[in-house]
Structures are given as structure tokens and as C-alpha cells.
Amino acid sequence: MNTVLLFSPVVMSPDARRTVGGAQDAAVRMGVHVQTVTRPPTETLVRELRRLWSPLGAIVDCGSDWGPIPASLFGNLPTVLLHHDPETLPADALSVRHDSGETGRTAARELLSTGRRHFAFVHNATRTFWSDIRGKSFAEAIRLHGFRCHVMPSSGNGDGDGGAWQRRLRSFLHTMPKPCAVFAANDRTAVELLAAARHEGFDVPETIAVLGVDNDENLCERTIPALSSIEPDFRRAGDMAIRLLLDVANNRSGRDGGAATRDSGTAEAMIFGDLRVVRRASTRIVAMRDARVSDALELIRREACAGLRAERVAALFPGTRRQTDLRFRRAIGRTIAEEIRAVQLEEAKRLLADPARQITPISDFCGFSTPGSLRKFFRRETGMSMREWRREHP
């Protein structure tokens, strides 16, 4: 079986695991074996792996802690560089990277919708190109609406886990006009920010609303309060990388009648976007004015897709069901049942975004009793069938 080498520290982060999962699913559909390598590539390692596997090509995660990885290590082997800094990308590189600029704009739309008038961006502790891009696009979008964006820069010394960085975060929060909404470069930065806010006595989200990136559930679900986050479509990245690599490898092989080679000076790049915004308690500003509604929303977010019924949520409130729905609508603009369905719809869309997943069983993961009930609901809400929606959102 044809083999593709995928260099990734997959055990290190959820985004790496999602990327590898997307690549593996695409490879199965295309009859290719993905061999994951969790060691950083070196000239000797690449040479030995090529001798062992005779691979069609390689995919390399350049966004890890491995540092710069020169494409020259792979010689004439077609190689896709994942998450590589576009400013230093080789002229003839194959590449797949995240649209960090669009993430910044998504964050601006999300936080502007909270009604806040003061905003900030906190960079990753160590300077990175994706943090720079996110911060710039977020600040531009905020200024476009007539507001100022305060910025906390990177530390410059990589002290993201140390006391100095935490002290800087605490000091920065004190300088911010309040109430404010803060976009953090990633979830790890957002977690540090939440810790700083808690230590300094700032309520989240009433005083400071916080939004991260990556939707690392191990982090987001274990913060106080739970962290809202933008989830990049990392599975799509893996899928793109496999397709791009095989397209190039097959074209070169078919044309040359032998080993695949790259044409000097030609580049092929693909960009993937965000999958969804996962809203948790750290940005639920309106609801937090009503503590019972806030608690109910967290229950719905956690259990809507596990068969949660509106009656169970309504039981958290005094008064009649009608009074409770009116209270809910005043807080978030929807009734309890509508909020449950909204969460279920988002989960259905998330699952549909994975082209390897069969459509019929999706209802089991969204809290619907039958596939037919989900199909009817989905068409009513979106105006298209689930299959049509998948085709429209590759």
C-alpha cells in the first residue's frame, strides 16, 4: 500500500490530533496508509524512513515546538508544510495553513455582539506569526466599528508559564477600562488570563469577557468559568494536506513515469478556516445577569445532545413553564426548547463537516430519537437536506 509520512507531535495537543485524524480519514478513502512520526525530522531520520517505507510524500507540522524545519531535508520527496509562517515559506512549497486573519475577524464579531465598548487582544506569550495575524485583524475590525483595541504584546522571552508573564497579565487587566471583552491568541493564553482575573477579583464575564482559540476541551471545560473558544477546522487541514500531496505526487509520477519531483519555483497553497464558535460561560454576558439562566445554559450546552428535555431545565426555575420561557427569552432571545435545538443543530453541523462520517447515525450524537426527526428539523432550520448542506460546506 502507498504510504505518506506525517511528522507531528500528535500526543502534544488536540489540534495536532484533529489534524492527524483528518489526514487519516482522507487517506483511508483514497487507499493510502498514513504513517505518523512523532519525532522531529532530521536528514538522517528522513533518509532512513524513505528507505523503510518508500513513501509517496510527507506532511510536516511546522506549528509545533520543534522549531523551523527546512524543506531541504526532504530532497525531491513531495512535502506539504502545515502551519508554516507564510512570510518564510519557501517559494516552491506545498502548504496548508489556517486563516488566522479570519479568526481575528470572527472574534471581533463575537465580542462586539456582547454590547461591550472596550476591547483588548492578548498575544501568545512567545511571539508567533499566527498571534500577530490574529491580533492585527481583530484590532482592525474593532477599530472599524469606532472602538479602540488595547493590546498586550508577547513577553519576548518565552516565559509563558512563569510568574513574570502572569504578573504582566494582572497588571494589564488593571489598566483596561471596564467592563471589557478580551480576545486571547489561543486557549492557553486565555486560561492564564482567567487565572489573572480571578486572582485580581475581576468577575468573568460581568467585568471581563474572555474568548480563546482552539477549543481545547481539556482546558476550556476545566476553567472557572468555562472558556468560550473559536475552533479552527483542524480535521479539514489534515484532509487538505493529504489531497494536495497525492494530487502533486500522482501528477509528477504520471508525467515523469518515475519518482515524483517538484518543479522549481512553483508553489501550491491551501487555507482552511474555522469550524465554529463554542460559547461557554466566559462570554455569556447577558445571561450572567440572571444566575439561574446562566446555570441552565451551561446544563443545555453540556447535555442537549444527550437527550436533555426542556422540562428538566424548566424544573430549575420557580413559577410556571410559560414564566420560565419568558424569562429565558428576555435573557437570550430564545425559549428553553429553542436553545436546546440550537445546540443540537450546531453539533449536527459539526459532525456533518467530517466527510468520513456517515449521515444516518448523526442523530444518535445530537439527541434526536430517530434519523428522520433530525432530517426534518435540519431541513426546516437550514432550508436544505443534510447531504446538501455537506456539499455546500466542504
Protein backbone atom coordinates (compact mmCIF):
# COMPACT_ATOMS: atom_id res chain seq x y z
CA MET A 1 0.00 0.00 0.00
CA ASN A 2 1.20 3.52 -0.80
CA THR A 3 2.41 5.40 2.27
CA VAL A 4 2.54 9.03 3.35
CA LEU A 5 4.77 10.09 6.25
CA LEU A 6 3.15 12.55 8.67
CA PHE A 7 5.53 14.27 11.08
CA SER A 8 3.54 15.56 14.04
CA PRO A 9 3.88 15.61 17.85
CA VAL A 10 0.35 14.17 17.89
CA VAL A 11 0.41 13.38 21.60
CA MET A 12 1.06 17.01 22.50
CA SER A 13 -2.10 18.91 21.53
CA PRO A 14 -5.74 18.46 20.48
CA ASP A 15 -5.20 20.45 17.27
CA ALA A 16 -2.41 18.06 16.21
CA ARG A 17 -4.60 15.05 16.98
CA ARG A 18 -7.51 16.52 14.98
CA THR A 19 -5.21 17.24 12.04
CA VAL A 20 -3.84 13.71 12.06
CA GLY A 21 -7.38 12.32 12.33
CA GLY A 22 -8.49 14.31 9.29
CA ALA A 23 -5.48 13.13 7.31
CA GLN A 24 -6.04 9.51 8.28
CA ASP A 25 -9.73 9.62 7.32
CA ALA A 26 -8.91 11.14 3.93
CA ALA A 27 -6.14 8.60 3.38
CA VAL A 28 -8.48 5.67 4.07
CA ARG A 29 -10.92 6.96 1.46
CA MET A 30 -8.09 7.28 -1.06
CA GLY A 31 -6.46 3.94 -0.32
CA VAL A 32 -3.29 5.34 1.27
CA HIS A 33 -1.56 4.49 4.55
CA VAL A 34 -0.56 7.38 6.83
CA GLN A 35 2.49 6.60 8.94
CA THR A 36 2.70 9.05 11.85
CA VAL A 37 6.17 10.04 13.04
CA THR A 38 6.28 11.81 16.41
CA ARG A 39 9.98 12.73 16.19
CA PRO A 40 11.12 15.97 14.52
CA PRO A 41 12.54 15.32 11.05
CA THR A 42 16.30 15.26 10.56
CA GLU A 43 18.31 14.42 7.47
CA THR A 44 19.25 11.02 8.88
CA LEU A 45 15.73 10.20 10.05
CA VAL A 46 14.15 11.17 6.73
CA ARG A 47 16.70 9.10 4.84
CA GLU A 48 16.04 6.02 6.97
CA LEU A 49 12.26 6.42 6.76
CA ARG A 50 12.38 6.79 2.99
CA ARG A 51 14.39 3.57 2.81
CA LEU A 52 11.90 1.79 5.08
CA TRP A 53 8.59 3.00 3.59
CA SER A 54 9.37 4.28 0.05
CA PRO A 55 6.71 6.95 0.69
CA LEU A 56 4.75 8.93 -1.89
CA GLY A 57 5.46 12.06 0.13
CA ALA A 58 5.48 13.69 3.56
CA ILE A 59 3.38 16.09 5.63
CA VAL A 60 5.15 18.12 8.32
CA ASP A 61 3.52 20.03 11.18
CA CYS A 62 5.59 23.21 11.32
CA GLY A 63 3.43 24.78 14.03
CA SER A 64 4.78 22.56 16.79
CA ASP A 65 7.53 23.22 19.31
CA TRP A 66 10.06 21.61 17.01
CA GLY A 67 11.14 24.95 15.64
CA PRO A 68 11.96 25.77 11.99
CA ILE A 69 12.04 22.72 9.73
CA PRO A 70 13.90 23.26 6.44
CA ALA A 71 12.13 21.76 3.43
CA SER A 72 15.54 20.79 2.06
CA LEU A 73 15.55 17.84 4.50
CA PHE A 74 13.15 16.04 2.18
CA GLY A 75 15.05 16.45 -1.09
CA ASN A 76 12.82 15.62 -4.07
CA LEU A 77 10.14 13.97 -1.93
CA PRO A 78 6.85 15.92 -2.31
CA THR A 79 6.25 17.53 1.07
CA VAL A 80 3.34 19.55 2.46
CA LEU A 81 4.24 22.07 5.18
CA LEU A 82 1.42 22.51 7.71
CA HIS A 83 1.01 25.74 9.71
CA HIS A 84 4.20 27.29 8.29
CA ASP A 85 4.84 31.02 8.67
CA PRO A 86 3.76 32.46 5.29
CA GLU A 87 6.49 35.11 5.47
CA THR A 88 9.27 32.50 5.46
CA LEU A 89 7.59 29.86 3.31
CA PRO A 90 9.91 28.56 0.56
CA ALA A 91 8.99 29.81 -2.88
CA ASP A 92 8.20 26.33 -4.25
CA ALA A 93 6.49 24.93 -1.15
CA LEU A 94 3.31 22.93 -0.85
CA SER A 95 1.50 24.32 2.16
CA VAL A 96 -1.71 24.20 4.21
CA ARG A 97 -2.32 26.81 6.87
CA HIS A 98 -5.06 28.30 8.99
CA ASP A 99 -6.68 31.61 8.06
CA SER A 100 -5.70 33.42 11.26
CA GLY A 101 -6.91 36.73 9.87
CA GLU A 102 -10.45 35.42 9.55
CA THR A 103 -10.24 34.10 13.11
CA GLY A 104 -9.47 37.60 14.33
CA ARG A 105 -12.50 38.93 12.46
CA THR A 106 -14.70 36.14 13.85
CA ALA A 107 -13.54 37.04 17.36
CA ALA A 108 -14.39 40.70 16.72
CA ARG A 109 -17.91 39.83 15.55
CA GLU A 110 -18.42 37.57 18.55
CA LEU A 111 -17.24 40.09 21.15
CA LEU A 112 -18.88 43.09 19.50
CA SER A 113 -22.19 41.23 19.80
CA THR A 114 -21.82 41.30 23.59
CA GLY A 115 -22.51 45.04 23.58
CA ARG A 116 -19.17 45.90 25.17
CA ARG A 117 -17.41 49.12 24.22
CA HIS A 118 -13.90 48.31 25.47
CA PHE A 119 -11.79 45.60 23.86
CA ALA A 120 -8.34 44.07 24.11
CA PHE A 121 -6.15 41.46 22.47
CA VAL A 122 -3.59 39.43 24.42
CA HIS A 123 -0.80 37.90 22.36
CA ASN A 124 0.68 34.47 22.87
CA ALA A 125 3.48 34.69 25.45
CA THR A 126 6.11 33.78 22.85
CA ARG A 127 5.79 35.75 19.64
CA THR A 128 4.32 33.75 16.75
CA PHE A 129 3.14 34.71 13.28
CA TRP A 130 -0.40 33.43 13.90
CA SER A 131 -0.73 35.50 17.06
CA ASP A 132 0.43 38.59 15.16
CA ILE A 133 -2.09 37.98 12.37
CA ARG A 134 -4.99 37.31 14.74
CA GLY A 135 -4.22 40.39 16.78
CA LYS A 136 -3.92 42.66 13.77
CA SER A 137 -7.16 41.54 12.11
CA PHE A 138 -9.06 41.67 15.43
CA ALA A 139 -7.84 45.22 16.17
CA GLU A 140 -8.69 46.39 12.65
CA ALA A 141 -12.22 45.01 12.92
CA ILE A 142 -12.74 46.62 16.33
CA ARG A 143 -11.47 50.00 15.08
CA LEU A 144 -13.75 49.70 12.05
CA HIS A 145 -16.67 49.93 14.48
CA GLY A 146 -15.27 53.03 16.17
CA PHE A 147 -13.73 51.39 19.24
CA ARG A 148 -10.18 51.20 20.50
CA CYS A 149 -8.40 47.86 20.88
CA HIS A 150 -5.87 47.65 23.72
CA VAL A 151 -3.04 45.21 23.04
CA MET A 152 -0.81 43.23 25.37
CA PRO A 153 2.26 42.11 23.39
CA SER A 154 4.25 38.89 23.71
CA SER A 155 6.77 38.68 26.51
CA GLY A 156 9.68 38.30 24.09
CA ASN A 157 11.41 35.76 26.30
CA GLY A 158 9.07 32.79 26.04
CA ASP A 159 8.11 32.98 29.72
CA GLY A 160 4.53 31.89 29.04
CA ASP A 161 4.27 29.61 32.05
CA GLY A 162 6.27 31.64 34.51
CA GLY A 163 5.43 34.16 37.19
CA ALA A 164 6.62 37.13 35.16
CA TRP A 165 4.03 36.55 32.43
CA GLN A 166 1.23 36.10 34.98
CA ARG A 167 2.21 39.32 36.75
CA ARG A 168 2.14 41.17 33.42
CA LEU A 169 -1.35 39.84 32.72
CA ARG A 170 -2.60 41.02 36.11
CA SER A 171 -1.10 44.45 35.58
CA PHE A 172 -2.60 44.68 32.09
CA LEU A 173 -6.09 43.87 33.37
CA HIS A 174 -5.87 46.73 35.84
CA THR A 175 -5.11 49.18 33.01
CA MET A 176 -8.18 48.16 30.99
CA PRO A 177 -11.34 50.26 31.13
CA LYS A 178 -14.23 48.10 32.28
CA PRO A 179 -16.43 46.31 31.54
CA CYS A 180 -14.38 44.94 28.65
CA ALA A 181 -14.11 41.99 26.27
CA VAL A 182 -10.72 40.34 25.68
CA PHE A 183 -9.65 38.10 22.81
CA ALA A 184 -6.71 35.84 23.68
CA ALA A 185 -4.42 34.47 20.97
CA ASN A 186 -5.16 30.87 22.00
CA ASP A 187 -6.77 28.87 24.77
CA ARG A 188 -3.60 28.56 26.84
CA THR A 189 -3.25 32.33 26.90
CA ALA A 190 -6.94 32.66 27.76
CA VAL A 191 -6.57 30.24 30.68
CA GLU A 192 -3.71 32.36 32.04
CA LEU A 193 -5.89 35.42 31.58
CA LEU A 194 -8.77 33.86 33.50
CA ALA A 195 -6.40 32.97 36.33
CA ALA A 196 -5.17 36.57 36.44
CA ALA A 197 -8.72 37.92 36.50
CA ARG A 198 -9.73 35.56 39.30
CA HIS A 199 -6.67 36.47 41.40
CA GLU A 200 -7.35 40.19 41.00
CA GLY A 201 -11.03 39.87 41.86
CA PHE A 202 -12.47 40.69 38.42
CA ASP A 203 -15.72 38.85 37.69
CA VAL A 204 -15.91 36.93 34.38
CA PRO A 205 -17.83 37.71 32.22
CA GLU A 206 -19.59 40.57 34.03
CA THR A 207 -16.43 42.69 34.24
CA ILE A 208 -14.14 40.93 31.76
CA ALA A 209 -15.41 38.62 29.00
CA VAL A 210 -12.77 36.26 27.60
CA LEU A 211 -12.59 34.39 24.27
CA GLY A 212 -9.85 31.95 23.21
CA VAL A 213 -8.91 29.90 20.13
CA ASP A 214 -8.51 26.13 19.57
CA ASN A 215 -11.42 24.77 21.63
CA ASP A 216 -9.09 22.56 23.64
CA GLU A 217 -11.81 20.92 25.73
CA ASN A 218 -9.32 19.73 28.35
CA LEU A 219 -8.68 23.39 29.07
CA CYS A 220 -11.97 25.08 28.18
CA GLU A 221 -14.19 22.81 30.26
CA ARG A 222 -11.93 22.99 33.31
CA THR A 223 -11.62 26.74 33.74
CA ILE A 224 -13.72 28.86 36.10
CA PRO A 225 -15.93 29.85 34.38
CA ALA A 226 -15.82 27.57 31.32
CA LEU A 227 -13.96 29.22 28.44
CA SER A 228 -15.58 30.25 25.15
CA SER A 229 -13.38 29.44 22.16
CA ILE A 230 -13.14 29.53 18.37
CA GLU A 231 -12.44 26.07 16.94
CA PRO A 232 -10.33 26.00 13.75
CA ASP A 233 -11.24 23.19 11.36
CA PHE A 234 -8.09 21.17 12.02
CA ARG A 235 -9.58 17.97 10.59
CA ARG A 236 -10.09 19.87 7.35
CA ALA A 237 -6.39 20.76 7.42
CA GLY A 238 -5.41 17.10 7.50
CA ASP A 239 -7.82 16.29 4.70
CA MET A 240 -6.46 19.15 2.57
CA ALA A 241 -2.86 18.10 3.17
CA ILE A 242 -3.50 14.53 2.00
CA ARG A 243 -5.38 15.64 -1.08
CA LEU A 244 -2.79 18.22 -2.06
CA LEU A 245 0.09 15.83 -1.54
CA LEU A 246 -1.47 12.97 -3.50
CA ASP A 247 -2.52 15.29 -6.31
CA VAL A 248 1.04 16.57 -6.70
CA ALA A 249 2.67 13.17 -6.24
CA ASN A 250 0.38 11.48 -8.75
CA ASN A 251 0.74 14.27 -11.31
CA ARG A 252 4.53 14.23 -11.11
CA SER A 253 4.68 10.44 -11.20
CA GLY A 254 2.33 10.18 -14.15
CA ARG A 255 4.18 12.84 -16.12
CA ASP A 256 7.70 11.68 -15.40
CA GLY A 257 6.99 7.96 -15.45
CA GLY A 258 9.01 7.56 -12.28
CA ALA A 259 9.67 9.17 -8.92
CA ALA A 260 7.69 12.28 -8.14
CA THR A 261 9.63 15.55 -8.20
CA ARG A 262 8.81 19.21 -7.64
CA ASP A 263 9.02 21.87 -10.32
CA SER A 264 11.37 24.58 -9.10
CA GLY A 265 9.69 27.88 -8.35
CA THR A 266 6.10 26.61 -8.26
CA ALA A 267 4.05 26.83 -5.09
CA GLU A 268 0.67 25.39 -4.17
CA ALA A 269 -1.08 26.63 -1.04
CA MET A 270 -4.38 25.83 0.63
CA ILE A 271 -6.02 27.71 3.50
CA PHE A 272 -8.58 26.32 5.94
CA GLY A 273 -10.92 28.27 8.16
CA ASP A 274 -12.82 27.93 11.42
CA LEU A 275 -15.37 25.26 12.20
CA ARG A 276 -17.42 27.02 14.88
CA VAL A 277 -17.53 29.29 17.91
CA VAL A 278 -18.16 27.32 21.10
CA ARG A 279 -19.92 29.67 23.52
CA ARG A 280 -19.40 28.94 27.17
CA ALA A 281 -19.82 30.95 30.37
CA SER A 282 -16.80 33.25 29.88
CA THR A 283 -18.70 35.32 27.27
CA ARG A 284 -22.35 34.83 28.27
CA ILE A 285 -22.71 38.40 29.47
CA VAL A 286 -26.46 38.88 29.11
CA ALA A 287 -27.30 35.58 30.76
CA MET A 288 -24.98 36.21 33.68
CA ARG A 289 -27.34 38.96 34.81
CA ASP A 290 -29.66 36.08 35.67
CA ALA A 291 -27.76 33.39 37.57
CA ARG A 292 -30.44 30.74 37.06
CA VAL A 293 -30.46 31.30 33.30
CA SER A 294 -26.67 31.06 33.28
CA ASP A 295 -26.77 27.73 35.12
CA ALA A 296 -29.46 26.47 32.75
CA LEU A 297 -27.44 27.45 29.68
CA GLU A 298 -24.43 25.51 30.96
CA LEU A 299 -26.67 22.47 31.51
CA ILE A 300 -28.06 22.78 27.99
CA ARG A 301 -24.59 23.18 26.48
CA ARG A 302 -23.35 20.06 28.23
CA GLU A 303 -26.37 17.77 27.82
CA ALA A 304 -28.53 18.98 24.92
CA CYS A 305 -27.14 16.23 22.70
CA ALA A 306 -27.62 13.55 25.37
CA GLY A 307 -31.41 13.60 25.37
CA LEU A 308 -31.96 16.63 27.62
CA ARG A 309 -35.61 17.68 27.74
CA ALA A 310 -36.93 21.19 28.28
CA GLU A 311 -38.95 20.04 31.29
CA ARG A 312 -35.78 19.15 33.19
CA VAL A 313 -34.34 22.61 32.54
CA ALA A 314 -37.58 24.36 33.47
CA ALA A 315 -37.57 22.50 36.80
CA LEU A 316 -34.57 24.63 37.83
CA PHE A 317 -36.83 27.70 37.94
CA PRO A 318 -39.69 28.74 40.21
CA GLY A 319 -43.02 29.51 38.59
CA THR A 320 -44.79 28.11 35.54
CA ARG A 321 -43.22 26.87 32.31
CA ARG A 322 -44.57 29.91 30.49
CA GLN A 323 -42.96 32.26 33.03
CA THR A 324 -39.68 30.39 32.68
CA ASP A 325 -39.71 30.61 28.88
CA LEU A 326 -40.45 34.35 29.08
CA ARG A 327 -37.51 34.73 31.49
CA PHE A 328 -35.29 32.80 29.10
CA ARG A 329 -36.39 34.82 26.10
CA ARG A 330 -35.65 38.10 27.90
CA ALA A 331 -32.13 36.87 28.69
CA ILE A 332 -31.05 35.25 25.41
CA GLY A 333 -33.84 35.79 22.87
CA ARG A 334 -34.90 32.11 22.79
CA THR A 335 -37.06 29.72 24.81
CA ILE A 336 -35.58 26.70 26.55
CA ALA A 337 -36.65 24.33 23.78
CA GLU A 338 -35.28 26.66 21.10
CA GLU A 339 -31.92 26.85 22.87
CA ILE A 340 -31.73 23.06 23.15
CA ARG A 341 -32.44 22.72 19.43
CA ALA A 342 -29.89 25.42 18.58
CA VAL A 343 -27.17 23.48 20.39
CA GLN A 344 -28.24 20.25 18.69
CA LEU A 345 -28.17 21.93 15.28
CA GLU A 346 -24.63 23.20 15.83
CA GLU A 347 -23.50 19.72 16.81
CA ALA A 348 -25.13 18.22 13.72
CA LYS A 349 -23.31 20.74 11.52
CA ARG A 350 -20.03 19.98 13.26
CA LEU A 351 -20.43 16.26 12.63
CA LEU A 352 -21.52 16.83 9.02
CA ALA A 353 -18.31 18.77 8.43
CA ASP A 354 -16.41 15.48 8.69
CA PRO A 355 -16.83 13.93 5.21
CA ALA A 356 -15.84 10.49 6.51
CA ARG A 357 -18.81 10.33 8.90
CA GLN A 358 -21.98 8.60 7.72
CA ILE A 359 -25.04 10.85 7.86
CA THR A 360 -27.68 8.48 9.23
CA PRO A 361 -26.06 7.81 12.66
CA ILE A 362 -25.50 11.53 13.33
CA SER A 363 -28.91 11.75 15.01
CA ASP A 364 -27.61 9.46 17.78
CA PHE A 365 -25.00 12.05 18.71
CA CYS A 366 -27.35 15.04 18.66
CA GLY A 367 -30.12 13.95 20.99
CA PHE A 368 -32.73 13.08 18.34
CA SER A 369 -34.84 9.93 18.74
CA THR A 370 -34.64 8.95 15.06
CA PRO A 371 -32.65 9.93 11.95
CA GLY A 372 -35.90 11.08 10.37
CA SER A 373 -36.66 13.59 13.11
CA LEU A 374 -33.22 15.13 12.69
CA ARG A 375 -33.60 15.27 8.90
CA LYS A 376 -36.93 17.11 9.17
CA PHE A 377 -35.60 19.54 11.78
CA PHE A 378 -32.41 20.19 9.81
CA ARG A 379 -34.29 20.99 6.60
CA ARG A 380 -36.72 23.26 8.45
CA GLU A 381 -33.89 25.23 10.07
CA THR A 382 -31.45 25.42 7.15
CA GLY A 383 -33.64 25.10 4.06
CA MET A 384 -31.61 22.16 2.76
CA SER A 385 -31.04 18.49 3.43
CA MET A 386 -28.08 17.31 5.47
CA ARG A 387 -26.44 15.92 2.34
CA GLU A 388 -26.95 19.22 0.51
CA TRP A 389 -25.51 21.14 3.47
CA ARG A 390 -22.42 18.91 3.44
CA ARG A 391 -21.88 19.59 -0.27
CA GLU A 392 -22.24 23.35 0.32
CA HIS A 393 -19.76 23.32 3.25
CA PRO A 394 -16.80 21.17 2.17
